[in-house]
């Protein structure tokens, strides 16, 4: 996955996790689904909600690169060989915490989105039981959830298992951090 992400150049960072650890309790992204089924897959996140001209252009460029990479693979050039000479390194983030969606009244403050920087002790919303949702450590938010609500402000079914995930920037390459080979 690392070489594909680096070669495709569609994103500047890669969100990862230790082997055997899933991203979220309630759902999986396309590449995690593929991994669970023993097939290749990557997910390119294209922004918040909805499509844009920029998202379309980046998606098209990334897909064309994927086709070129595949052609070079057919010619015997491994992903590692193709990545040699690429100077720009990806930033790596690891999910370190997931806030359980413990109460139907639990709600995040408006406007939080993927990669919103947060600080330890920062109030991110309400816990649904009269208290506050407090961020446990510095990092960036991932997958903040804003489920539909009823007239009383309670989340409708199906409620998410987690209201947000917290990630931190990794200081070492995932291959080194998790003891994995880089090829």
N, C-alpha and C. Protein backbone atom coordinates (compact mmCIF):
# COMPACT_ATOMS: atom_id res chain seq x y z
N UNK A 1 0.81 -1.20 0.00
CA UNK A 1 0.00 0.00 0.00
C UNK A 1 0.84 1.26 0.00
N UNK A 2 1.94 1.22 0.74
CA UNK A 2 2.80 2.40 0.83
C UNK A 2 3.32 2.82 -0.54
N UNK A 3 3.84 1.87 -1.31
CA UNK A 3 4.38 2.22 -2.62
C UNK A 3 3.29 2.72 -3.56
N UNK A 4 2.13 2.10 -3.50
CA UNK A 4 1.01 2.58 -4.33
C UNK A 4 0.67 4.02 -3.95
N UNK A 5 0.54 4.29 -2.67
CA UNK A 5 0.18 5.64 -2.22
C UNK A 5 1.22 6.65 -2.67
N UNK A 6 2.48 6.30 -2.53
CA UNK A 6 3.56 7.22 -2.91
C UNK A 6 3.57 7.45 -4.43
N UNK A 7 3.43 6.38 -5.19
CA UNK A 7 3.46 6.50 -6.65
C UNK A 7 2.23 7.22 -7.21
N UNK A 8 1.08 6.99 -6.62
CA UNK A 8 -0.13 7.62 -7.13
C UNK A 8 -0.13 9.12 -6.90
N UNK A 9 0.46 9.57 -5.82
CA UNK A 9 0.60 11.00 -5.57
C UNK A 9 -0.71 11.74 -5.40
N UNK A 10 -1.78 11.04 -5.09
CA UNK A 10 -3.08 11.70 -4.94
C UNK A 10 -3.26 12.37 -3.60
N UNK A 11 -2.43 12.03 -2.64
CA UNK A 11 -2.55 12.59 -1.29
C UNK A 11 -1.17 12.86 -0.72
N UNK A 12 -1.11 13.73 0.26
CA UNK A 12 0.16 14.08 0.90
C UNK A 12 0.40 13.28 2.17
N UNK A 13 -0.64 12.60 2.66
CA UNK A 13 -0.48 11.84 3.89
C UNK A 13 -1.19 10.50 3.78
N UNK A 14 -0.81 9.61 4.69
CA UNK A 14 -1.37 8.26 4.72
C UNK A 14 -1.77 7.96 6.15
N UNK A 15 -3.03 7.60 6.36
CA UNK A 15 -3.51 7.19 7.67
C UNK A 15 -3.37 5.68 7.75
N UNK A 16 -2.68 5.22 8.78
CA UNK A 16 -2.42 3.79 8.90
C UNK A 16 -2.67 3.34 10.34
N UNK A 17 -2.43 2.07 10.58
CA UNK A 17 -2.56 1.50 11.91
C UNK A 17 -1.72 0.24 11.95
N UNK A 18 -1.47 -0.21 13.17
CA UNK A 18 -0.67 -1.42 13.34
C UNK A 18 -1.38 -2.60 12.67
N UNK A 19 -0.62 -3.57 12.17
CA UNK A 19 -1.23 -4.75 11.55
C UNK A 19 -2.21 -5.42 12.52
N UNK A 20 -3.34 -5.85 11.98
CA UNK A 20 -4.35 -6.54 12.79
C UNK A 20 -5.30 -5.61 13.51
N UNK A 21 -5.04 -4.31 13.49
CA UNK A 21 -5.90 -3.34 14.17
C UNK A 21 -6.77 -2.66 13.12
N UNK A 22 -8.09 -2.63 13.33
CA UNK A 22 -8.98 -2.02 12.34
C UNK A 22 -9.08 -0.52 12.60
N UNK A 23 -9.58 0.20 11.59
CA UNK A 23 -9.74 1.65 11.71
C UNK A 23 -10.90 2.02 12.62
N UNK A 24 -12.02 1.34 12.48
CA UNK A 24 -13.22 1.74 13.21
C UNK A 24 -14.04 0.50 13.55
N UNK A 25 -14.77 0.60 14.66
CA UNK A 25 -15.59 -0.53 15.11
C UNK A 25 -16.85 -0.70 14.27
N UNK A 26 -17.36 0.39 13.71
CA UNK A 26 -18.67 0.32 13.08
C UNK A 26 -18.66 0.12 11.57
N UNK A 27 -17.58 0.48 10.93
CA UNK A 27 -17.56 0.38 9.47
C UNK A 27 -16.12 0.26 9.00
N UNK A 28 -15.97 -0.03 7.73
CA UNK A 28 -14.63 -0.11 7.16
C UNK A 28 -14.60 0.67 5.86
N UNK A 29 -13.41 1.20 5.55
CA UNK A 29 -13.25 1.88 4.27
C UNK A 29 -12.97 0.83 3.21
N UNK A 30 -12.92 1.27 1.97
CA UNK A 30 -12.79 0.33 0.85
C UNK A 30 -11.51 -0.49 0.92
N UNK A 31 -10.38 0.15 1.28
CA UNK A 31 -9.14 -0.63 1.32
C UNK A 31 -9.13 -1.63 2.47
N UNK A 32 -9.77 -1.28 3.59
CA UNK A 32 -9.85 -2.23 4.70
C UNK A 32 -10.76 -3.41 4.32
N UNK A 33 -11.85 -3.13 3.66
CA UNK A 33 -12.73 -4.19 3.17
C UNK A 33 -11.95 -5.12 2.25
N UNK A 34 -11.17 -4.54 1.34
CA UNK A 34 -10.38 -5.34 0.41
C UNK A 34 -9.35 -6.19 1.17
N UNK A 35 -8.69 -5.59 2.17
CA UNK A 35 -7.69 -6.32 2.95
C UNK A 35 -8.33 -7.52 3.65
N UNK A 36 -9.52 -7.32 4.22
CA UNK A 36 -10.21 -8.40 4.92
C UNK A 36 -10.59 -9.54 3.98
N UNK A 37 -10.72 -9.23 2.69
CA UNK A 37 -11.11 -10.24 1.71
C UNK A 37 -9.93 -10.71 0.85
N UNK A 38 -8.71 -10.29 1.22
CA UNK A 38 -7.51 -10.77 0.53
C UNK A 38 -7.34 -10.25 -0.88
N UNK A 39 -7.90 -9.07 -1.15
CA UNK A 39 -7.76 -8.47 -2.48
C UNK A 39 -7.13 -7.08 -2.32
N UNK A 40 -6.45 -6.57 -3.35
CA UNK A 40 -5.83 -5.25 -3.21
C UNK A 40 -6.86 -4.13 -3.20
N UNK A 41 -6.55 -3.06 -2.50
CA UNK A 41 -7.44 -1.91 -2.49
C UNK A 41 -6.79 -0.73 -1.78
N UNK A 42 -7.07 0.47 -2.25
CA UNK A 42 -6.64 1.72 -1.63
C UNK A 42 -7.83 2.66 -1.60
N UNK A 43 -7.83 3.57 -0.66
CA UNK A 43 -8.87 4.59 -0.61
C UNK A 43 -8.20 5.95 -0.76
N UNK A 44 -8.69 6.75 -1.67
CA UNK A 44 -8.22 8.12 -1.83
C UNK A 44 -9.33 9.03 -1.34
N UNK A 45 -9.12 9.68 -0.21
CA UNK A 45 -10.11 10.60 0.35
C UNK A 45 -10.07 11.90 -0.44
N UNK A 46 -11.22 12.36 -0.89
CA UNK A 46 -11.27 13.52 -1.77
C UNK A 46 -11.90 14.76 -1.14
N UNK A 47 -11.85 14.87 0.15
CA UNK A 47 -12.37 16.07 0.78
C UNK A 47 -13.51 15.76 1.70
N UNK A 48 -14.24 16.78 2.07
CA UNK A 48 -15.34 16.59 3.00
C UNK A 48 -16.50 15.94 2.26
N UNK A 49 -17.66 16.54 2.24
CA UNK A 49 -18.80 15.94 1.55
C UNK A 49 -18.94 16.51 0.15
N UNK A 50 -19.36 15.67 -0.75
CA UNK A 50 -19.69 16.13 -2.08
C UNK A 50 -18.51 16.13 -3.03
N UNK A 51 -18.83 16.35 -4.29
CA UNK A 51 -17.83 16.37 -5.34
C UNK A 51 -17.49 17.80 -5.71
N UNK A 52 -16.29 17.98 -6.22
CA UNK A 52 -15.87 19.31 -6.67
C UNK A 52 -15.04 19.12 -7.93
N UNK A 53 -14.79 20.22 -8.63
CA UNK A 53 -13.93 20.15 -9.82
C UNK A 53 -12.52 19.68 -9.44
N UNK A 54 -12.01 20.19 -8.33
CA UNK A 54 -10.67 19.79 -7.89
C UNK A 54 -10.64 18.30 -7.57
N UNK A 55 -11.65 17.80 -6.84
CA UNK A 55 -11.69 16.37 -6.50
C UNK A 55 -11.75 15.52 -7.77
N UNK A 56 -12.52 15.95 -8.73
CA UNK A 56 -12.61 15.23 -10.00
C UNK A 56 -11.29 15.21 -10.74
N UNK A 57 -10.62 16.35 -10.77
CA UNK A 57 -9.33 16.44 -11.47
C UNK A 57 -8.27 15.58 -10.79
N UNK A 58 -8.21 15.62 -9.45
CA UNK A 58 -7.22 14.81 -8.72
C UNK A 58 -7.54 13.33 -8.90
N UNK A 59 -8.82 12.97 -8.85
CA UNK A 59 -9.21 11.57 -9.03
C UNK A 59 -8.81 11.07 -10.40
N UNK A 60 -9.07 11.86 -11.43
CA UNK A 60 -8.72 11.46 -12.79
C UNK A 60 -7.21 11.28 -12.94
N UNK A 61 -6.45 12.25 -12.44
CA UNK A 61 -4.99 12.18 -12.53
C UNK A 61 -4.47 10.95 -11.79
N UNK A 62 -5.06 10.66 -10.63
CA UNK A 62 -4.63 9.51 -9.83
C UNK A 62 -4.96 8.21 -10.56
N UNK A 63 -6.13 8.11 -11.17
CA UNK A 63 -6.50 6.90 -11.90
C UNK A 63 -5.59 6.69 -13.13
N UNK A 64 -5.25 7.76 -13.82
CA UNK A 64 -4.35 7.64 -14.96
C UNK A 64 -2.96 7.19 -14.51
N UNK A 65 -2.51 7.70 -13.38
CA UNK A 65 -1.23 7.24 -12.83
C UNK A 65 -1.30 5.75 -12.50
N UNK A 66 -2.43 5.31 -11.93
CA UNK A 66 -2.59 3.89 -11.57
C UNK A 66 -2.48 3.01 -12.82
N UNK A 67 -3.07 3.45 -13.91
CA UNK A 67 -2.98 2.68 -15.15
C UNK A 67 -1.53 2.63 -15.65
N UNK A 68 -0.81 3.75 -15.57
CA UNK A 68 0.61 3.77 -15.98
C UNK A 68 1.45 2.84 -15.09
N UNK A 69 1.20 2.89 -13.78
CA UNK A 69 1.94 2.03 -12.85
C UNK A 69 1.68 0.56 -13.17
N UNK A 70 0.43 0.24 -13.46
CA UNK A 70 0.05 -1.14 -13.80
C UNK A 70 0.77 -1.60 -15.07
N UNK A 71 0.85 -0.72 -16.06
CA UNK A 71 1.57 -1.07 -17.29
C UNK A 71 3.04 -1.37 -17.00
N UNK A 72 3.65 -0.56 -16.14
CA UNK A 72 5.05 -0.79 -15.78
C UNK A 72 5.21 -2.09 -14.98
N UNK A 73 4.22 -2.42 -14.16
CA UNK A 73 4.25 -3.70 -13.44
C UNK A 73 4.24 -4.87 -14.42
N UNK A 74 3.41 -4.74 -15.48
CA UNK A 74 3.35 -5.79 -16.51
C UNK A 74 4.71 -5.96 -17.19
N UNK A 75 5.48 -4.87 -17.26
CA UNK A 75 6.80 -4.91 -17.89
C UNK A 75 7.88 -5.40 -16.92
N UNK A 76 7.49 -5.72 -15.69
CA UNK A 76 8.43 -6.27 -14.72
C UNK A 76 9.03 -5.26 -13.75
N UNK A 77 8.60 -4.01 -13.81
CA UNK A 77 9.12 -3.00 -12.88
C UNK A 77 8.31 -3.05 -11.59
N UNK A 78 8.93 -3.45 -10.50
CA UNK A 78 8.24 -3.55 -9.22
C UNK A 78 7.82 -2.17 -8.72
N UNK A 79 6.93 -2.13 -7.78
CA UNK A 79 6.51 -0.86 -7.18
C UNK A 79 7.70 -0.17 -6.53
N UNK A 80 8.53 -0.95 -5.83
CA UNK A 80 9.69 -0.37 -5.15
C UNK A 80 10.63 0.29 -6.16
N UNK A 81 10.89 -0.37 -7.28
CA UNK A 81 11.75 0.19 -8.32
C UNK A 81 11.13 1.46 -8.89
N UNK A 82 9.83 1.45 -9.13
CA UNK A 82 9.16 2.63 -9.69
C UNK A 82 9.21 3.81 -8.72
N UNK A 83 9.23 3.54 -7.42
CA UNK A 83 9.23 4.61 -6.42
C UNK A 83 10.61 5.20 -6.18
N UNK A 84 11.66 4.53 -6.65
CA UNK A 84 13.01 5.06 -6.46
C UNK A 84 13.12 6.40 -7.17
N UNK A 85 13.72 7.34 -6.48
CA UNK A 85 13.92 8.65 -7.06
C UNK A 85 12.80 9.64 -6.76
N UNK A 86 11.71 9.17 -6.18
CA UNK A 86 10.65 10.10 -5.77
C UNK A 86 11.06 10.74 -4.45
N UNK A 87 11.25 12.03 -4.47
CA UNK A 87 11.77 12.72 -3.29
C UNK A 87 10.72 12.97 -2.22
N UNK A 88 9.52 13.32 -2.63
CA UNK A 88 8.50 13.70 -1.65
C UNK A 88 8.00 12.48 -0.88
N UNK A 89 8.11 12.57 0.44
CA UNK A 89 7.65 11.50 1.30
C UNK A 89 6.25 11.83 1.81
N UNK A 90 5.48 10.82 2.04
CA UNK A 90 4.16 10.99 2.63
C UNK A 90 4.30 11.32 4.11
N UNK A 91 3.32 12.05 4.64
CA UNK A 91 3.20 12.20 6.09
C UNK A 91 2.37 11.01 6.57
N UNK A 92 2.72 10.44 7.71
CA UNK A 92 2.01 9.28 8.22
C UNK A 92 1.29 9.63 9.51
N UNK A 93 0.04 9.21 9.60
CA UNK A 93 -0.77 9.40 10.80
C UNK A 93 -1.26 8.04 11.27
N UNK A 94 -1.31 7.88 12.60
CA UNK A 94 -1.81 6.65 13.19
C UNK A 94 -3.00 6.97 14.08
N UNK A 95 -4.08 6.21 13.95
CA UNK A 95 -5.24 6.38 14.83
C UNK A 95 -4.86 5.85 16.21
N UNK A 96 -5.01 6.72 17.22
CA UNK A 96 -4.59 6.36 18.57
C UNK A 96 -5.76 6.29 19.56
N UNK A 97 -6.93 6.79 19.16
CA UNK A 97 -8.07 6.80 20.08
C UNK A 97 -9.36 6.85 19.27
N UNK A 98 -10.39 6.18 19.78
CA UNK A 98 -11.72 6.23 19.19
C UNK A 98 -12.71 6.51 20.30
N UNK A 99 -13.48 7.57 20.16
CA UNK A 99 -14.48 7.95 21.16
C UNK A 99 -15.77 7.18 20.90
N UNK A 100 -16.14 6.29 21.79
CA UNK A 100 -17.38 5.52 21.64
C UNK A 100 -18.58 6.44 21.62
N UNK A 101 -19.56 6.08 20.79
CA UNK A 101 -20.83 6.81 20.75
C UNK A 101 -21.72 6.16 21.80
N UNK A 102 -21.59 6.64 23.04
CA UNK A 102 -22.19 5.98 24.20
C UNK A 102 -23.61 6.42 24.51
N UNK A 103 -24.06 7.54 23.97
CA UNK A 103 -25.38 8.08 24.32
C UNK A 103 -25.97 8.76 23.09
N UNK A 104 -27.25 8.56 22.86
CA UNK A 104 -27.91 9.14 21.68
C UNK A 104 -27.85 10.66 21.64
N UNK A 105 -27.63 11.30 22.80
CA UNK A 105 -27.52 12.75 22.86
C UNK A 105 -26.11 13.26 22.64
N UNK A 106 -25.16 12.37 22.52
CA UNK A 106 -23.77 12.76 22.29
C UNK A 106 -23.68 13.51 20.96
N UNK A 107 -22.99 14.65 20.96
CA UNK A 107 -22.91 15.47 19.75
C UNK A 107 -21.61 16.26 19.72
N UNK A 108 -21.01 16.32 18.56
CA UNK A 108 -19.81 17.15 18.35
C UNK A 108 -20.22 18.58 18.04
N UNK A 109 -19.35 19.52 18.36
CA UNK A 109 -19.56 20.90 17.93
C UNK A 109 -19.57 20.93 16.41
N UNK A 110 -20.32 21.85 15.84
CA UNK A 110 -20.40 22.00 14.38
C UNK A 110 -19.04 22.38 13.81
N UNK A 111 -18.80 21.93 12.58
CA UNK A 111 -17.63 22.38 11.84
C UNK A 111 -16.36 21.56 12.02
N UNK A 112 -16.40 20.50 12.79
CA UNK A 112 -15.22 19.64 12.93
C UNK A 112 -15.19 18.70 11.74
N UNK A 113 -14.02 18.50 11.16
CA UNK A 113 -13.90 17.65 9.99
C UNK A 113 -12.57 16.90 10.04
N UNK A 114 -12.34 16.04 9.05
CA UNK A 114 -11.09 15.29 9.00
C UNK A 114 -9.89 16.23 9.04
N UNK A 115 -8.94 15.88 9.86
CA UNK A 115 -7.67 16.58 10.03
C UNK A 115 -7.80 17.93 10.74
N UNK A 116 -8.93 18.17 11.43
CA UNK A 116 -9.02 19.34 12.29
C UNK A 116 -8.04 19.13 13.44
N UNK A 117 -7.07 20.04 13.64
CA UNK A 117 -6.14 19.88 14.78
C UNK A 117 -6.88 20.12 16.09
N UNK A 118 -6.59 19.29 17.09
CA UNK A 118 -7.21 19.41 18.42
C UNK A 118 -6.13 19.27 19.49
N UNK A 119 -6.43 19.81 20.65
CA UNK A 119 -5.49 19.80 21.78
C UNK A 119 -6.05 18.96 22.93
N UNK A 120 -5.16 18.43 23.75
CA UNK A 120 -5.58 17.72 24.96
C UNK A 120 -6.41 18.66 25.82
N UNK A 121 -7.54 18.19 26.29
CA UNK A 121 -8.42 18.99 27.14
C UNK A 121 -9.42 19.84 26.39
N UNK A 122 -9.31 19.91 25.07
CA UNK A 122 -10.24 20.71 24.27
C UNK A 122 -11.62 20.07 24.29
N UNK A 123 -12.65 20.90 24.48
CA UNK A 123 -14.02 20.42 24.48
C UNK A 123 -14.49 20.31 23.03
N UNK A 124 -14.86 19.09 22.62
CA UNK A 124 -15.26 18.82 21.25
C UNK A 124 -16.77 18.75 21.07
N UNK A 125 -17.51 18.68 22.17
CA UNK A 125 -18.96 18.58 22.09
C UNK A 125 -19.55 18.18 23.43
N UNK A 126 -20.74 17.61 23.36
CA UNK A 126 -21.48 17.19 24.56
C UNK A 126 -21.54 15.67 24.64
N UNK A 127 -21.46 15.14 25.86
CA UNK A 127 -21.46 13.68 26.01
C UNK A 127 -22.86 13.08 26.04
N UNK A 128 -23.90 13.93 26.04
CA UNK A 128 -25.28 13.44 26.02
C UNK A 128 -25.85 13.16 27.40
N UNK A 129 -25.02 13.23 28.43
CA UNK A 129 -25.47 12.96 29.80
C UNK A 129 -25.21 14.17 30.69
N UNK A 130 -25.13 15.36 30.10
CA UNK A 130 -24.92 16.58 30.86
C UNK A 130 -23.48 17.03 30.97
N UNK A 131 -22.57 16.26 30.40
CA UNK A 131 -21.16 16.62 30.45
C UNK A 131 -20.61 16.98 29.08
N UNK A 132 -19.30 17.09 29.03
CA UNK A 132 -18.64 17.49 27.79
C UNK A 132 -17.79 16.35 27.24
N UNK A 133 -17.62 16.36 25.92
CA UNK A 133 -16.67 15.46 25.26
C UNK A 133 -15.33 16.18 25.24
N UNK A 134 -14.37 15.65 25.95
CA UNK A 134 -13.06 16.29 26.08
C UNK A 134 -12.02 15.46 25.36
N UNK A 135 -11.23 16.12 24.54
CA UNK A 135 -10.18 15.44 23.78
C UNK A 135 -9.09 14.93 24.73
N UNK A 136 -8.72 13.64 24.62
CA UNK A 136 -7.75 13.07 25.55
C UNK A 136 -6.29 13.46 25.29
N UNK A 137 -5.97 13.84 24.04
CA UNK A 137 -4.59 14.20 23.74
C UNK A 137 -4.54 15.01 22.45
N UNK A 138 -3.41 15.63 22.20
CA UNK A 138 -3.22 16.40 20.98
C UNK A 138 -3.22 15.47 19.78
N UNK A 139 -3.75 15.96 18.67
CA UNK A 139 -3.76 15.19 17.43
C UNK A 139 -4.63 15.85 16.39
N UNK A 140 -5.15 15.04 15.48
CA UNK A 140 -6.10 15.52 14.47
C UNK A 140 -7.31 14.60 14.49
N UNK A 141 -8.47 15.19 14.23
CA UNK A 141 -9.70 14.40 14.18
C UNK A 141 -9.80 13.66 12.86
N UNK A 142 -10.35 12.47 12.93
CA UNK A 142 -10.68 11.70 11.75
C UNK A 142 -12.08 11.14 11.92
N UNK A 143 -12.81 11.09 10.85
CA UNK A 143 -14.14 10.49 10.78
C UNK A 143 -15.11 11.04 11.84
N UNK A 144 -15.19 12.39 12.02
CA UNK A 144 -16.18 12.92 12.95
C UNK A 144 -17.59 12.63 12.42
N UNK A 145 -18.48 12.24 13.30
CA UNK A 145 -19.83 11.83 12.89
C UNK A 145 -20.86 12.86 13.34
N UNK A 146 -21.77 13.17 12.42
CA UNK A 146 -22.90 14.05 12.68
C UNK A 146 -24.16 13.31 12.25
N UNK A 147 -24.62 12.35 13.05
CA UNK A 147 -25.78 11.54 12.64
C UNK A 147 -27.06 12.37 12.62
N UNK A 148 -28.04 11.95 11.80
CA UNK A 148 -29.33 12.63 11.82
C UNK A 148 -29.93 12.58 13.22
N UNK A 149 -30.69 13.61 13.56
CA UNK A 149 -31.26 13.73 14.91
C UNK A 149 -32.77 13.85 14.86
N UNK A 150 -33.42 13.42 15.94
CA UNK A 150 -34.87 13.58 16.05
C UNK A 150 -35.19 14.95 16.66
N UNK A 151 -36.46 15.23 16.92
CA UNK A 151 -36.88 16.53 17.45
C UNK A 151 -36.28 16.84 18.82
N UNK A 152 -35.92 15.81 19.58
CA UNK A 152 -35.32 16.01 20.90
C UNK A 152 -33.79 16.13 20.82
N UNK A 153 -33.24 16.06 19.62
CA UNK A 153 -31.80 16.17 19.46
C UNK A 153 -31.04 14.87 19.66
N UNK A 154 -31.78 13.76 19.72
CA UNK A 154 -31.14 12.46 19.91
C UNK A 154 -30.82 11.83 18.55
N UNK A 155 -29.69 11.17 18.48
CA UNK A 155 -29.28 10.53 17.23
C UNK A 155 -30.26 9.43 16.86
N UNK A 156 -30.61 9.40 15.58
CA UNK A 156 -31.51 8.36 15.07
C UNK A 156 -30.70 7.10 14.77
N UNK A 157 -31.40 6.00 14.71
CA UNK A 157 -30.78 4.72 14.32
C UNK A 157 -30.53 4.74 12.81
N UNK A 158 -29.53 4.10 12.33
CA UNK A 158 -28.49 3.42 13.11
C UNK A 158 -27.46 4.43 13.60
N UNK A 159 -27.19 4.37 14.89
CA UNK A 159 -26.18 5.25 15.48
C UNK A 159 -24.78 4.69 15.18
N UNK A 160 -23.81 5.58 14.99
CA UNK A 160 -22.44 5.09 14.79
C UNK A 160 -21.89 4.48 16.08
N UNK A 161 -20.92 3.62 15.96
CA UNK A 161 -20.27 3.03 17.15
C UNK A 161 -19.30 4.03 17.78
N UNK A 162 -18.75 4.93 16.93
CA UNK A 162 -17.80 5.93 17.40
C UNK A 162 -18.22 7.29 16.87
N UNK A 163 -18.00 8.33 17.67
CA UNK A 163 -18.36 9.68 17.21
C UNK A 163 -17.17 10.37 16.54
N UNK A 164 -15.95 9.98 16.89
CA UNK A 164 -14.77 10.47 16.18
C UNK A 164 -13.59 9.56 16.50
N UNK A 165 -12.57 9.67 15.67
CA UNK A 165 -11.29 9.03 15.91
C UNK A 165 -10.25 10.13 16.03
N UNK A 166 -9.18 9.84 16.76
CA UNK A 166 -8.09 10.79 16.94
C UNK A 166 -6.82 10.15 16.40
N UNK A 167 -6.08 10.90 15.60
CA UNK A 167 -4.83 10.39 15.04
C UNK A 167 -3.70 11.34 15.39
N UNK A 168 -2.50 10.77 15.44
CA UNK A 168 -1.30 11.58 15.67
C UNK A 168 -0.32 11.33 14.54
N UNK A 169 0.50 12.33 14.27
CA UNK A 169 1.52 12.20 13.23
C UNK A 169 2.59 11.23 13.73
N UNK A 170 2.93 10.27 12.90
CA UNK A 170 3.97 9.30 13.25
C UNK A 170 5.33 9.93 13.03
N UNK A 171 6.24 9.67 13.94
CA UNK A 171 7.60 10.21 13.83
C UNK A 171 8.52 9.28 13.05
N UNK A 172 8.09 8.03 12.86
CA UNK A 172 8.89 7.07 12.11
C UNK A 172 8.03 6.46 11.00
N UNK A 173 8.67 5.94 10.02
CA UNK A 173 7.98 5.27 8.91
C UNK A 173 7.21 4.07 9.48
N UNK A 174 5.98 3.80 8.99
CA UNK A 174 5.22 2.67 9.51
C UNK A 174 5.96 1.34 9.42
N UNK A 175 6.77 1.15 8.38
CA UNK A 175 7.53 -0.10 8.26
C UNK A 175 8.45 -0.29 9.45
N UNK A 176 9.06 0.80 9.90
CA UNK A 176 9.95 0.73 11.07
C UNK A 176 9.14 0.64 12.36
N UNK A 177 8.10 1.45 12.47
CA UNK A 177 7.29 1.47 13.69
C UNK A 177 6.62 0.13 13.98
N UNK A 178 6.17 -0.54 12.92
CA UNK A 178 5.44 -1.78 13.10
C UNK A 178 6.28 -3.01 12.79
N UNK A 179 7.59 -2.81 12.51
CA UNK A 179 8.47 -3.94 12.25
C UNK A 179 8.15 -4.68 10.96
N UNK A 180 7.74 -3.95 9.93
CA UNK A 180 7.37 -4.56 8.66
C UNK A 180 8.45 -4.31 7.61
N UNK A 181 8.61 -5.22 6.67
CA UNK A 181 9.56 -4.95 5.58
C UNK A 181 9.03 -3.83 4.70
N UNK A 182 9.90 -3.02 4.13
CA UNK A 182 9.47 -1.91 3.28
C UNK A 182 9.21 -2.34 1.83
N UNK A 183 9.41 -3.59 1.49
CA UNK A 183 9.17 -4.00 0.11
C UNK A 183 8.02 -4.97 0.02
